[in-house]
Amino acid sequence: MFISVCGSPIFLGKISVKYRGFHSLTHSIIRKTSPHNQLRQDYGYKDGSYVKTWEGREDNEHLAEIVQSLDATAENFSDQLYEALKRRYPSA
């Protein structure tokens, strides 16, 4: 499933039945996309130097894969996600 957040399409994969309300879904989306958007900003999104495709796959695909490998309930989930994205990013 793709949604648009601030004009950018975000791949969510299959939404689990655990999301029983809009608040839970919104919170989950923000926790997943905030580190992703931070990485984009840190690596040149505004000046056009950010590379959206890594190893033949878009950054959203990497995001979805990493999210599935982490414990989304962990208190430091956002930090773990940012660090995992940073490790994969080609210039990091």
Protein backbone atom coordinates (compact mmCIF):
# COMPACT_ATOMS: atom_id res chain seq x y z
CA MET A 1 0.00 0.00 0.00
CA PHE A 2 1.25 3.47 -0.87
CA ILE A 3 0.12 6.68 0.77
CA SER A 4 1.25 10.25 0.27
CA VAL A 5 2.93 12.09 3.13
CA CYS A 6 3.86 15.71 2.43
CA GLY A 7 3.63 14.99 -1.27
CA SER A 8 5.94 11.97 -1.19
CA PRO A 9 4.62 8.47 -1.82
CA ILE A 10 5.38 6.16 1.10
CA PHE A 11 5.30 2.39 0.78
CA LEU A 12 3.70 0.79 3.84
CA GLY A 13 3.52 -2.79 2.70
CA LYS A 14 0.54 -4.70 4.03
CA ILE A 15 -1.10 -2.93 6.93
CA SER A 16 -1.40 -5.29 9.86
CA VAL A 17 -4.72 -5.89 11.55
CA LYS A 18 -3.17 -4.50 14.73
CA TYR A 19 -3.94 -0.99 13.43
CA ARG A 20 -7.40 -0.57 14.85
CA GLY A 21 -7.73 3.17 14.55
CA PHE A 22 -6.61 6.20 12.67
CA HIS A 23 -4.46 7.42 15.59
CA SER A 24 -2.46 4.19 15.71
CA LEU A 25 -1.98 4.16 11.96
CA THR A 26 -0.97 7.82 11.88
CA HIS A 27 1.51 7.35 14.73
CA SER A 28 3.05 4.36 12.95
CA ILE A 29 3.38 6.25 9.67
CA ILE A 30 5.07 9.20 11.37
CA ARG A 31 7.51 6.93 13.23
CA LYS A 32 8.45 5.28 9.94
CA THR A 33 8.67 8.36 7.74
CA SER A 34 10.33 10.85 10.08
CA PRO A 35 13.73 9.08 10.06
CA HIS A 36 13.38 8.57 6.31
CA ASN A 37 12.69 12.25 5.72
CA GLN A 38 15.54 13.21 8.05
CA LEU A 39 17.95 11.03 6.06
CA ARG A 40 16.78 12.68 2.84
CA GLN A 41 17.42 16.13 4.30
CA ASP A 42 20.80 15.13 5.76
CA TYR A 43 22.00 13.82 2.40
CA GLY A 44 20.96 16.66 0.12
CA TYR A 45 17.28 16.39 -0.77
CA LYS A 46 16.86 20.18 -0.94
CA ASP A 47 19.91 20.79 -3.12
CA GLY A 48 19.17 17.83 -5.39
CA SER A 49 22.15 15.69 -4.42
CA TYR A 50 20.13 13.03 -2.60
CA VAL A 51 20.17 9.68 -4.41
CA LYS A 52 16.68 8.16 -4.36
CA THR A 53 17.60 4.81 -5.95
CA TRP A 54 20.15 2.57 -4.22
CA GLU A 55 21.25 -0.80 -5.55
CA GLY A 56 18.47 -0.67 -8.15
CA ARG A 57 15.68 -0.05 -5.61
CA GLU A 58 13.98 3.13 -4.46
CA ASP A 59 14.56 4.40 -0.95
CA ASN A 60 10.93 3.62 -0.03
CA GLU A 61 11.57 -0.05 -0.79
CA HIS A 62 14.61 -0.06 1.48
CA LEU A 63 12.51 1.68 4.14
CA ALA A 64 9.80 -1.00 3.98
CA GLU A 65 12.35 -3.81 4.19
CA ILE A 66 14.17 -2.27 7.15
CA VAL A 67 10.93 -1.55 9.02
CA GLN A 68 9.99 -5.23 8.77
CA SER A 69 13.33 -6.24 10.29
CA LEU A 70 13.00 -3.97 13.35
CA ASP A 71 10.82 -4.05 16.43
CA ALA A 72 8.39 -1.20 15.78
CA THR A 73 7.40 -1.18 19.45
CA ALA A 74 10.94 -0.43 20.63
CA GLU A 75 11.32 2.91 22.36
CA ASN A 76 14.25 3.80 20.11
CA PHE A 77 12.63 2.51 16.92
CA SER A 78 13.09 5.82 15.07
CA ASP A 79 16.78 5.95 15.97
CA GLN A 80 17.28 2.34 14.88
CA LEU A 81 15.48 3.03 11.63
CA TYR A 82 17.53 6.13 10.86
CA GLU A 83 20.81 4.31 11.57
CA ALA A 84 19.80 1.34 9.41
CA LEU A 85 18.84 3.64 6.53
CA LYS A 86 22.11 5.54 6.93
CA ARG A 87 24.13 2.32 6.76
CA ARG A 88 22.44 1.42 3.48
CA TYR A 89 22.66 4.82 1.88
CA PRO A 90 25.45 4.76 -0.75
CA SER A 91 27.39 7.82 0.44
CA ALA A 92 27.01 7.23 4.18
